[in-house]
Amino acid sequence: MGKTVVIDVAGRVTIGHDVKLRDEIHRAVAEGARNVLLDMSRVTKLDSSGIGELVAAHVTMKNKEGRLLLVGLPGKIATVLQITQMLGVLELYDDADSALATLDDD
């Protein structure tokens, strides 16, 4: 199945606040999602726990032969990912249209 699920992430992706994101990604995978697109445009804070969740989600999707795509990162969130050298690991796009254009959904 080539289904792509879009998840709108808002607020804090930090220790104690990252469970909802994890649950939504696991639900999407359980429902047959091949790819997950995270709209990060409304994220206000990202800590090491949140980065860990993003990496875990990336690995989960890769193991399912799918992809995790992040779009709309606010400047300070992009800076955190740059400092932690995650920009080369995670797939980042300016907007959903450019991310979705890279997928081969059926």
PDB file of N, CA and C in Angstrom:
ATOM      1  N   MET A   1       0.853  -1.179   0.000  1.00  0.00           N
ATOM      2  CA  MET A   1       0.000   0.000   0.000  1.00  0.00           C
ATOM      3  C   MET A   1       0.895   1.236   0.000  1.00  0.00           C
ATOM      4  N   GLY A   2       0.590   2.205  -0.818  1.00  0.00           N
ATOM      5  CA  GLY A   2       1.411   3.395  -0.945  1.00  0.00           C
ATOM      6  C   GLY A   2       0.836   4.597  -0.227  1.00  0.00           C
ATOM      7  N   LYS A   3       0.048   4.399   0.770  1.00  0.00           N
ATOM      8  CA  LYS A   3      -0.641   5.484   1.457  1.00  0.00           C
ATOM      9  C   LYS A   3       0.319   6.402   2.211  1.00  0.00           C
ATOM     10  N   THR A   4       0.057   7.706   2.106  1.00  0.00           N
ATOM     11  CA  THR A   4       0.811   8.697   2.863  1.00  0.00           C
ATOM     12  C   THR A   4      -0.138   9.368   3.854  1.00  0.00           C
ATOM     13  N   VAL A   5       0.300   9.445   5.105  1.00  0.00           N
ATOM     14  CA  VAL A   5      -0.489  10.089   6.152  1.00  0.00           C
ATOM     15  C   VAL A   5       0.209  11.383   6.541  1.00  0.00           C
ATOM     16  N   VAL A   6      -0.574  12.452   6.646  1.00  0.00           N
ATOM     17  CA  VAL A   6      -0.045  13.742   7.081  1.00  0.00           C
ATOM     18  C   VAL A   6      -0.441  13.949   8.535  1.00  0.00           C
ATOM     19  N   ILE A   7       0.556  14.249   9.364  1.00  0.00           N
ATOM     20  CA  ILE A   7       0.314  14.502  10.783  1.00  0.00           C
ATOM     21  C   ILE A   7       0.749  15.925  11.083  1.00  0.00           C
ATOM     22  N   ASP A   8      -0.178  16.709  11.623  1.00  0.00           N
ATOM     23  CA  ASP A   8       0.105  18.087  12.007  1.00  0.00           C
ATOM     24  C   ASP A   8       0.659  18.064  13.434  1.00  0.00           C
ATOM     25  N   VAL A   9       1.904  18.502  13.590  1.00  0.00           N
ATOM     26  CA  VAL A   9       2.556  18.501  14.898  1.00  0.00           C
ATOM     27  C   VAL A   9       2.556  19.940  15.412  1.00  0.00           C
ATOM     28  N   ALA A  10       2.065  20.140  16.622  1.00  0.00           N
ATOM     29  CA  ALA A  10       1.981  21.494  17.170  1.00  0.00           C
ATOM     30  C   ALA A  10       2.471  21.506  18.613  1.00  0.00           C
ATOM     31  N   GLY A  11       3.016  22.653  19.007  1.00  0.00           N
ATOM     32  CA  GLY A  11       3.452  22.819  20.385  1.00  0.00           C
ATOM     33  C   GLY A  11       4.830  22.242  20.622  1.00  0.00           C
ATOM     34  N   ARG A  12       4.986  21.621  21.765  1.00  0.00           N
ATOM     35  CA  ARG A  12       6.286  21.105  22.208  1.00  0.00           C
ATOM     36  C   ARG A  12       6.462  19.640  21.807  1.00  0.00           C
ATOM     37  N   VAL A  13       7.636  19.330  21.290  1.00  0.00           N
ATOM     38  CA  VAL A  13       8.027  17.947  21.058  1.00  0.00           C
ATOM     39  C   VAL A  13       9.223  17.746  21.985  1.00  0.00           C
ATOM     40  N   THR A  14       8.877  17.511  23.240  1.00  0.00           N
ATOM     41  CA  THR A  14       9.866  17.441  24.313  1.00  0.00           C
ATOM     42  C   THR A  14       9.528  16.273  25.223  1.00  0.00           C
ATOM     43  N   ILE A  15      10.430  15.994  26.161  1.00  0.00           N
ATOM     44  CA  ILE A  15      10.188  14.903  27.096  1.00  0.00           C
ATOM     45  C   ILE A  15       8.833  15.126  27.786  1.00  0.00           C
ATOM     46  N   GLY A  16       8.027  14.103  27.772  1.00  0.00           N
ATOM     47  CA  GLY A  16       6.703  14.191  28.369  1.00  0.00           C
ATOM     48  C   GLY A  16       5.632  14.698  27.410  1.00  0.00           C
ATOM     49  N   HIS A  17       6.051  15.322  26.312  1.00  0.00           N
ATOM     50  CA  HIS A  17       5.097  15.842  25.332  1.00  0.00           C
ATOM     51  C   HIS A  17       5.221  15.112  24.001  1.00  0.00           C
ATOM     52  N   ASP A  18       6.089  14.119  23.920  1.00  0.00           N
ATOM     53  CA  ASP A  18       6.352  13.453  22.652  1.00  0.00           C
ATOM     54  C   ASP A  18       5.561  12.153  22.477  1.00  0.00           C
ATOM     55  N   VAL A  19       4.833  11.745  23.479  1.00  0.00           N
ATOM     56  CA  VAL A  19       4.073  10.493  23.422  1.00  0.00           C
ATOM     57  C   VAL A  19       2.981  10.570  22.364  1.00  0.00           C
ATOM     58  N   LYS A  20       2.318  11.709  22.264  1.00  0.00           N
ATOM     59  CA  LYS A  20       1.246  11.866  21.273  1.00  0.00           C
ATOM     60  C   LYS A  20       1.791  11.665  19.865  1.00  0.00           C
ATOM     61  N   LEU A  21       2.951  12.243  19.570  1.00  0.00           N
ATOM     62  CA  LEU A  21       3.565  12.077  18.261  1.00  0.00           C
ATOM     63  C   LEU A  21       3.864  10.606  18.000  1.00  0.00           C
ATOM     64  N   ARG A  22       4.472   9.952  18.962  1.00  0.00           N
ATOM     65  CA  ARG A  22       4.788   8.524  18.832  1.00  0.00           C
ATOM     66  C   ARG A  22       3.528   7.717  18.566  1.00  0.00           C
ATOM     67  N   ASP A  23       2.472   7.977  19.337  1.00  0.00           N
ATOM     68  CA  ASP A  23       1.217   7.251  19.171  1.00  0.00           C
ATOM     69  C   ASP A  23       0.615   7.469  17.782  1.00  0.00           C
ATOM     70  N   GLU A  24       0.647   8.707  17.297  1.00  0.00           N
ATOM     71  CA  GLU A  24       0.081   9.004  15.980  1.00  0.00           C
ATOM     72  C   GLU A  24       0.853   8.311  14.866  1.00  0.00           C
ATOM     73  N   ILE A  25       2.164   8.267  14.990  1.00  0.00           N
ATOM     74  CA  ILE A  25       2.975   7.593  13.973  1.00  0.00           C
ATOM     75  C   ILE A  25       2.712   6.097  14.002  1.00  0.00           C
ATOM     76  N   HIS A  26       2.669   5.504  15.185  1.00  0.00           N
ATOM     77  CA  HIS A  26       2.394   4.064  15.289  1.00  0.00           C
ATOM     78  C   HIS A  26       0.997   3.731  14.768  1.00  0.00           C
ATOM     79  N   ARG A  27       0.030   4.599  15.022  1.00  0.00           N
ATOM     80  CA  ARG A  27      -1.329   4.375  14.517  1.00  0.00           C
ATOM     81  C   ARG A  27      -1.340   4.428  12.990  1.00  0.00           C
ATOM     82  N   ALA A  28      -0.632   5.403  12.428  1.00  0.00           N
ATOM     83  CA  ALA A  28      -0.571   5.531  10.969  1.00  0.00           C
ATOM     84  C   ALA A  28       0.037   4.277  10.346  1.00  0.00           C
ATOM     85  N   VAL A  29       1.114   3.782  10.937  1.00  0.00           N
ATOM     86  CA  VAL A  29       1.773   2.577  10.425  1.00  0.00           C
ATOM     87  C   VAL A  29       0.829   1.378  10.550  1.00  0.00           C
ATOM     88  N   ALA A  30       0.164   1.251  11.694  1.00  0.00           N
ATOM     89  CA  ALA A  30      -0.768   0.137  11.908  1.00  0.00           C
ATOM     90  C   ALA A  30      -1.920   0.164  10.915  1.00  0.00           C
ATOM     91  N   GLU A  31      -2.294   1.370  10.473  1.00  0.00           N
ATOM     92  CA  GLU A  31      -3.391   1.513   9.513  1.00  0.00           C
ATOM     93  C   GLU A  31      -2.909   1.423   8.068  1.00  0.00           C
ATOM     94  N   GLY A  32      -1.629   1.082   7.881  1.00  0.00           N
ATOM     95  CA  GLY A  32      -1.137   0.822   6.539  1.00  0.00           C
ATOM     96  C   GLY A  32      -0.378   1.943   5.855  1.00  0.00           C
ATOM     97  N   ALA A  33      -0.017   2.981   6.595  1.00  0.00           N
ATOM     98  CA  ALA A  33       0.728   4.074   5.974  1.00  0.00           C
ATOM     99  C   ALA A  33       2.100   3.589   5.523  1.00  0.00           C
ATOM    100  N   ARG A  34       2.455   3.943   4.322  1.00  0.00           N
ATOM    101  CA  ARG A  34       3.800   3.643   3.834  1.00  0.00           C
ATOM    102  C   ARG A  34       4.719   4.817   4.118  1.00  0.00           C
ATOM    103  N   ASN A  35       4.163   6.021   4.061  1.00  0.00           N
ATOM    104  CA  ASN A  35       4.924   7.236   4.315  1.00  0.00           C
ATOM    105  C   ASN A  35       4.179   8.100   5.319  1.00  0.00           C
ATOM    106  N   VAL A  36       4.951   8.819   6.128  1.00  0.00           N
ATOM    107  CA  VAL A  36       4.367   9.760   7.083  1.00  0.00           C
ATOM    108  C   VAL A  36       5.014  11.120   6.842  1.00  0.00           C
ATOM    109  N   LEU A  37       4.170  12.114   6.638  1.00  0.00           N
ATOM    110  CA  LEU A  37       4.620  13.487   6.473  1.00  0.00           C
ATOM    111  C   LEU A  37       4.254  14.241   7.746  1.00  0.00           C
ATOM    112  N   LEU A  38       5.269  14.792   8.416  1.00  0.00           N
ATOM    113  CA  LEU A  38       5.024  15.568   9.627  1.00  0.00           C
ATOM    114  C   LEU A  38       5.086  17.046   9.287  1.00  0.00           C
ATOM    115  N   ASP A  39       3.965  17.743   9.462  1.00  0.00           N
ATOM    116  CA  ASP A  39       3.942  19.192   9.292  1.00  0.00           C
ATOM    117  C   ASP A  39       4.388  19.800  10.618  1.00  0.00           C
ATOM    118  N   MET A  40       5.608  20.313  10.633  1.00  0.00           N
ATOM    119  CA  MET A  40       6.230  20.816  11.859  1.00  0.00           C
ATOM    120  C   MET A  40       6.083  22.336  12.014  1.00  0.00           C
ATOM    121  N   SER A  41       5.296  22.966  11.171  1.00  0.00           N
ATOM    122  CA  SER A  41       5.237  24.431  11.135  1.00  0.00           C
ATOM    123  C   SER A  41       4.741  25.062  12.435  1.00  0.00           C
ATOM    124  N   ARG A  42       4.029  24.304  13.256  1.00  0.00           N
ATOM    125  CA  ARG A  42       3.517  24.863  14.514  1.00  0.00           C
ATOM    126  C   ARG A  42       4.244  24.344  15.754  1.00  0.00           C
ATOM    127  N   VAL A  43       5.416  23.744  15.546  1.00  0.00           N
ATOM    128  CA  VAL A  43       6.214  23.265  16.675  1.00  0.00           C
ATOM    129  C   VAL A  43       6.922  24.455  17.306  1.00  0.00           C
ATOM    130  N   THR A  44       6.824  24.559  18.633  1.00  0.00           N
ATOM    131  CA  THR A  44       7.423  25.693  19.342  1.00  0.00           C
ATOM    132  C   THR A  44       8.711  25.327  20.059  1.00  0.00           C
ATOM    133  N   LYS A  45       8.896  24.045  20.365  1.00  0.00           N
ATOM    134  CA  LYS A  45      10.106  23.628  21.069  1.00  0.00           C
ATOM    135  C   LYS A  45      10.402  22.182  20.736  1.00  0.00           C
ATOM    136  N   LEU A  46      11.701  21.873  20.591  1.00  0.00           N
ATOM    137  CA  LEU A  46      12.160  20.527  20.309  1.00  0.00           C
ATOM    138  C   LEU A  46      13.392  20.271  21.165  1.00  0.00           C
ATOM    139  N   ASP A  47      13.348  19.215  21.990  1.00  0.00           N
ATOM    140  CA  ASP A  47      14.517  18.881  22.814  1.00  0.00           C
ATOM    141  C   ASP A  47      15.085  17.536  22.371  1.00  0.00           C
ATOM    142  N   SER A  48      16.055  17.033  23.122  1.00  0.00           N
ATOM    143  CA  SER A  48      16.722  15.782  22.745  1.00  0.00           C
ATOM    144  C   SER A  48      15.752  14.606  22.721  1.00  0.00           C
ATOM    145  N   SER A  49      14.778  14.603  23.597  1.00  0.00           N
ATOM    146  CA  SER A  49      13.778  13.542  23.604  1.00  0.00           C
ATOM    147  C   SER A  49      12.944  13.594  22.321  1.00  0.00           C
ATOM    148  N   GLY A  50      12.573  14.796  21.920  1.00  0.00           N
ATOM    149  CA  GLY A  50      11.825  14.976  20.677  1.00  0.00           C
ATOM    150  C   GLY A  50      12.630  14.569  19.461  1.00  0.00           C
ATOM    151  N   ILE A  51      13.921  14.907  19.472  1.00  0.00           N
ATOM    152  CA  ILE A  51      14.800  14.492  18.373  1.00  0.00           C
ATOM    153  C   ILE A  51      14.867  12.967  18.334  1.00  0.00           C
ATOM    154  N   GLY A  52      14.961  12.363  19.510  1.00  0.00           N
ATOM    155  CA  GLY A  52      14.965  10.903  19.589  1.00  0.00           C
ATOM    156  C   GLY A  52      13.712  10.298  18.989  1.00  0.00           C
ATOM    157  N   GLU A  53      12.569  10.915  19.227  1.00  0.00           N
ATOM    158  CA  GLU A  53      11.306  10.436  18.656  1.00  0.00           C
ATOM    159  C   GLU A  53      11.308  10.558  17.140  1.00  0.00           C
ATOM    160  N   LEU A  54      11.855  11.664  16.632  1.00  0.00           N
ATOM    161  CA  LEU A  54      11.929  11.842  15.181  1.00  0.00           C
ATOM    162  C   LEU A  54      12.835  10.779  14.556  1.00  0.00           C
ATOM    163  N   VAL A  55      13.966  10.513  15.188  1.00  0.00           N
ATOM    164  CA  VAL A  55      14.885   9.494  14.673  1.00  0.00           C
ATOM    165  C   VAL A  55      14.234   8.114  14.744  1.00  0.00           C
ATOM    166  N   ALA A  56      13.560   7.818  15.855  1.00  0.00           N
ATOM    167  CA  ALA A  56      12.865   6.528  15.992  1.00  0.00           C
ATOM    168  C   ALA A  56      11.787   6.381  14.914  1.00  0.00           C
ATOM    169  N   ALA A  57      11.056   7.452  14.648  1.00  0.00           N
ATOM    170  CA  ALA A  57      10.024   7.422  13.608  1.00  0.00           C
ATOM    171  C   ALA A  57      10.659   7.211  12.235  1.00  0.00           C
ATOM    172  N   HIS A  58      11.787   7.874  12.008  1.00  0.00           N
ATOM    173  CA  HIS A  58      12.520   7.705  10.742  1.00  0.00           C
ATOM    174  C   HIS A  58      12.913   6.242  10.557  1.00  0.00           C
ATOM    175  N   VAL A  59      13.460   5.629  11.601  1.00  0.00           N
ATOM    176  CA  VAL A  59      13.874   4.222  11.541  1.00  0.00           C
ATOM    177  C   VAL A  59      12.662   3.315  11.333  1.00  0.00           C
ATOM    178  N   THR A  60      11.576   3.587  12.045  1.00  0.00           N
ATOM    179  CA  THR A  60      10.351   2.799  11.895  1.00  0.00           C
ATOM    180  C   THR A  60       9.880   2.810  10.451  1.00  0.00           C
ATOM    181  N   MET A  61       9.827   3.998   9.852  1.00  0.00           N
ATOM    182  CA  MET A  61       9.355   4.107   8.474  1.00  0.00           C
ATOM    183  C   MET A  61      10.319   3.435   7.510  1.00  0.00           C
ATOM    184  N   LYS A  62      11.591   3.586   7.738  1.00  0.00           N
ATOM    185  CA  LYS A  62      12.600   2.964   6.870  1.00  0.00           C
ATOM    186  C   LYS A  62      12.482   1.441   6.939  1.00  0.00           C
ATOM    187  N   ASN A  63      12.260   0.902   8.141  1.00  0.00           N
ATOM    188  CA  ASN A  63      12.090  -0.539   8.307  1.00  0.00           C
ATOM    189  C   ASN A  63      10.835  -1.056   7.602  1.00  0.00           C
ATOM    190  N   LYS A  64       9.851  -0.187   7.422  1.00  0.00           N
ATOM    191  CA  LYS A  64       8.614  -0.539   6.717  1.00  0.00           C
ATOM    192  C   LYS A  64       8.725  -0.208   5.230  1.00  0.00           C
ATOM    193  N   GLU A  65       9.957   0.109   4.780  1.00  0.00           N
ATOM    194  CA  GLU A  65      10.233   0.499   3.401  1.00  0.00           C
ATOM    195  C   GLU A  65       9.452   1.741   2.996  1.00  0.00           C
ATOM    196  N   GLY A  66       9.264   2.620   3.967  1.00  0.00           N
ATOM    197  CA  GLY A  66       8.593   3.877   3.720  1.00  0.00           C
ATOM    198  C   GLY A  66       9.505   5.030   4.094  1.00  0.00           C
ATOM    199  N   ARG A  67       8.903   6.199   4.175  1.00  0.00           N
ATOM    200  CA  ARG A  67       9.687   7.402   4.467  1.00  0.00           C
ATOM    201  C   ARG A  67       8.975   8.290   5.478  1.00  0.00           C
ATOM    202  N   LEU A  68       9.795   8.997   6.253  1.00  0.00           N
ATOM    203  CA  LEU A  68       9.316  10.045   7.149  1.00  0.00           C
ATOM    204  C   LEU A  68       9.796  11.356   6.554  1.00  0.00           C
ATOM    205  N   LEU A  69       8.862  12.260   6.292  1.00  0.00           N
ATOM    206  CA  LEU A  69       9.187  13.550   5.699  1.00  0.00           C
ATOM    207  C   LEU A  69       8.747  14.659   6.643  1.00  0.00           C
ATOM    208  N   LEU A  70       9.626  15.609   6.910  1.00  0.00           N
ATOM    209  CA  LEU A  70       9.320  16.737   7.780  1.00  0.00           C
ATOM    210  C   LEU A  70       9.202  17.984   6.922  1.00  0.00           C
ATOM    211  N   VAL A  71       8.153  18.754   7.152  1.00  0.00           N
ATOM    212  CA  VAL A  71       7.953  19.981   6.380  1.00  0.00           C
ATOM    213  C   VAL A  71       7.684  21.164   7.299  1.00  0.00           C
ATOM    214  N   GLY A  72       8.012  22.343   6.792  1.00  0.00           N
ATOM    215  CA  GLY A  72       7.656  23.593   7.452  1.00  0.00           C
ATOM    216  C   GLY A  72       8.347  23.859   8.769  1.00  0.00           C
ATOM    217  N   LEU A  73       9.599  23.445   8.902  1.00  0.00           N
ATOM    218  CA  LEU A  73      10.292  23.655  10.177  1.00  0.00           C
ATOM    219  C   LEU A  73      10.500  25.137  10.468  1.00  0.00           C
ATOM    220  N   PRO A  74      10.044  25.603  11.644  1.00  0.00           N
ATOM    221  CA  PRO A  74      10.363  26.970  12.058  1.00  0.00           C
ATOM    222  C   PRO A  74      11.885  27.107  12.190  1.00  0.00           C
ATOM    223  N   GLY A  75      12.392  28.308  12.027  1.00  0.00           N
ATOM    224  CA  GLY A  75      13.825  28.557  12.053  1.00  0.00           C
ATOM    225  C   GLY A  75      14.544  27.991  13.255  1.00  0.00           C
ATOM    226  N   LYS A  76      13.982  28.206  14.443  1.00  0.00           N
ATOM    227  CA  LYS A  76      14.682  27.724  15.646  1.00  0.00           C
ATOM    228  C   LYS A  76      14.682  26.206  15.739  1.00  0.00           C
ATOM    229  N   ILE A  77      13.679  25.551  15.185  1.00  0.00           N
ATOM    230  CA  ILE A  77      13.644  24.090  15.182  1.00  0.00           C
ATOM    231  C   ILE A  77      14.672  23.559  14.179  1.00  0.00           C
ATOM    232  N   ALA A  78      14.761  24.194  13.022  1.00  0.00           N
ATOM    233  CA  ALA A  78      15.770  23.811  12.032  1.00  0.00           C
ATOM    234  C   ALA A  78      17.173  23.992  12.602  1.00  0.00           C
ATOM    235  N   THR A  79      17.368  25.043  13.386  1.00  0.00           N
ATOM    236  CA  THR A  79      18.671  25.288  14.004  1.00  0.00           C
ATOM    237  C   THR A  79      19.032  24.168  14.976  1.00  0.00           C
ATOM    238  N   VAL A  80      18.064  23.731  15.772  1.00  0.00           N
ATOM    239  CA  VAL A  80      18.300  22.629  16.707  1.00  0.00           C
ATOM    240  C   VAL A  80      18.717  21.373  15.937  1.00  0.00           C
ATOM    241  N   LEU A  81      18.032  21.082  14.837  1.00  0.00           N
ATOM    242  CA  LEU A  81      18.368  19.900  14.047  1.00  0.00           C
ATOM    243  C   LEU A  81      19.733  20.053  13.377  1.00  0.00           C
ATOM    244  N   GLN A  82      20.081  21.261  13.013  1.00  0.00           N
ATOM    245  CA  GLN A  82      21.391  21.505  12.413  1.00  0.00           C
ATOM    246  C   GLN A  82      22.502  21.306  13.444  1.00  0.00           C
ATOM    247  N   ILE A  83      22.330  21.868  14.618  1.00  0.00           N
ATOM    248  CA  ILE A  83      23.330  21.753  15.685  1.00  0.00           C
ATOM    249  C   ILE A  83      23.551  20.294  16.064  1.00  0.00           C
ATOM    250  N   THR A  84      22.487  19.511  16.071  1.00  0.00           N
ATOM    251  CA  THR A  84      22.587  18.100  16.459  1.00  0.00           C
ATOM    252  C   THR A  84      22.930  17.196  15.274  1.00  0.00           C
ATOM    253  N   GLN A  85      23.205  17.796  14.145  1.00  0.00           N
ATOM    254  CA  GLN A  85      23.600  17.089  12.921  1.00  0.00           C
ATOM    255  C   GLN A  85      22.542  16.110  12.425  1.00  0.00           C
ATOM    256  N   MET A  86      21.280  16.451  12.619  1.00  0.00           N
ATOM    257  CA  MET A  86      20.183  15.616  12.157  1.00  0.00           C
ATOM    258  C   MET A  86      19.698  16.018  10.768  1.00  0.00           C
ATOM    259  N   LEU A  87      20.169  17.156  10.251  1.00  0.00           N
ATOM    260  CA  LEU A  87      19.720  17.599   8.932  1.00  0.00           C
ATOM    261  C   LEU A  87      20.108  16.606   7.844  1.00  0.00           C
ATOM    262  N   GLY A  88      21.208  15.902   8.028  1.00  0.00           N
ATOM    263  CA  GLY A  88      21.631  14.921   7.050  1.00  0.00           C
ATOM    264  C   GLY A  88      20.956  13.570   7.204  1.00  0.00           C
ATOM    265  N   VAL A  89      20.245  13.389   8.311  1.00  0.00           N
ATOM    266  CA  VAL A  89      19.588  12.109   8.595  1.00  0.00           C
ATOM    267  C   VAL A  89      18.112  12.166   8.218  1.00  0.00           C
ATOM    268  N   LEU A  90      17.436  13.230   8.631  1.00  0.00           N
ATOM    269  CA  LEU A  90      16.003  13.376   8.404  1.00  0.00           C
ATOM    270  C   LEU A  90      15.742  14.051   7.059  1.00  0.00           C
ATOM    271  N   GLU A  91      14.619  13.709   6.454  1.00  0.00           N
ATOM    272  CA  GLU A  91      14.228  14.322   5.180  1.00  0.00           C
ATOM    273  C   GLU A  91      13.416  15.576   5.464  1.00  0.00           C
ATOM    274  N   LEU A  92      13.944  16.731   5.081  1.00  0.00           N
ATOM    275  CA  LEU A  92      13.296  18.009   5.345  1.00  0.00           C
ATOM    276  C   LEU A  92      12.896  18.688   4.040  1.00  0.00           C
ATOM    277  N   TYR A  93      11.704  19.286   4.053  1.00  0.00           N
ATOM    278  CA  TYR A  93      11.190  19.995   2.887  1.00  0.00           C
ATOM    279  C   TYR A  93      10.547  21.294   3.350  1.00  0.00           C
ATOM    280  N   ASP A  94      10.529  22.274   2.464  1.00  0.00           N
ATOM    281  CA  ASP A  94       9.933  23.565   2.798  1.00  0.00           C
ATOM    282  C   ASP A  94       8.428  23.461   3.002  1.00  0.00           C
ATOM    283  N   ASP A  95       7.767  22.662   2.176  1.00  0.00           N
ATOM    284  CA  ASP A  95       6.308  22.570   2.257  1.00  0.00           C
ATOM    285  C   ASP A  95       5.839  21.178   1.850  1.00  0.00           C
ATOM    286  N   ALA A  96       4.576  20.924   2.101  1.00  0.00           N
ATOM    287  CA  ALA A  96       4.003  19.602   1.832  1.00  0.00           C
ATOM    288  C   ALA A  96       4.023  19.268   0.350  1.00  0.00           C
ATOM    289  N   ASP A  97       3.743  20.235  -0.497  1.00  0.00           N
ATOM    290  CA  ASP A  97       3.718  19.962  -1.936  1.00  0.00           C
ATOM    291  C   ASP A  97       5.060  19.449  -2.440  1.00  0.00           C
ATOM    292  N   SER A  98       6.152  20.090  -2.021  1.00  0.00           N
ATOM    293  CA  SER A  98       7.468  19.641  -2.488  1.00  0.00           C
ATOM    294  C   SER A  98       7.824  18.271  -1.909  1.00  0.00           C
ATOM    295  N   ALA A  99       7.406  17.994  -0.684  1.00  0.00           N
ATOM    296  CA  ALA A  99       7.662  16.674  -0.086  1.00  0.00           C
ATOM    297  C   ALA A  99       6.849  15.600  -0.800  1.00  0.00           C
ATOM    298  N   LEU A 100       5.578  15.863  -1.001  1.00  0.00           N
ATOM    299  CA  LEU A 100       4.703  14.876  -1.637  1.00  0.00           C
ATOM    300  C   LEU A 100       5.126  14.596  -3.078  1.00  0.00           C
ATOM    301  N   ALA A 101       5.710  15.580  -3.738  1.00  0.00           N
ATOM    302  CA  ALA A 101       6.160  15.399  -5.123  1.00  0.00           C
ATOM    303  C   ALA A 101       7.292  14.378  -5.223  1.00  0.00           C
ATOM    304  N   THR A 102       7.976  14.082  -4.121  1.00  0.00           N
ATOM    305  CA  THR A 102       9.083  13.115  -4.142  1.00  0.00           C
ATOM    306  C   THR A 102       8.604  11.688  -3.921  1.00  0.00           C
ATOM    307  N   LEU A 103       7.334  11.520  -3.607  1.00  0.00           N
ATOM    308  CA  LEU A 103       6.800  10.184  -3.306  1.00  0.00           C
ATOM    309  C   LEU A 103       6.232   9.536  -4.555  1.00  0.00           C
ATOM    310  N   ASP A 104       6.260   8.222  -4.561  1.00  0.00           N
ATOM    311  CA  ASP A 104       5.700   7.467  -5.674  1.00  0.00           C
ATOM    312  C   ASP A 104       4.459   6.708  -5.229  1.00  0.00           C
ATOM    313  N   ASP A 105       3.563   7.408  -4.527  1.00  0.00           N
ATOM    314  CA  ASP A 105       2.328   6.764  -4.034  1.00  0.00           C
ATOM    315  C   ASP A 105       1.491   6.240  -5.184  1.00  0.00           C
ATOM    316  N   ASP A 106       0.852   5.119  -4.916  1.00  0.00           N
ATOM    317  CA  ASP A 106      -0.061   4.519  -5.896  1.00  0.00           C
ATOM    318  C   ASP A 106      -1.485   4.828  -5.510  1.00  0.00           C
TER     319      ASP A 106
END
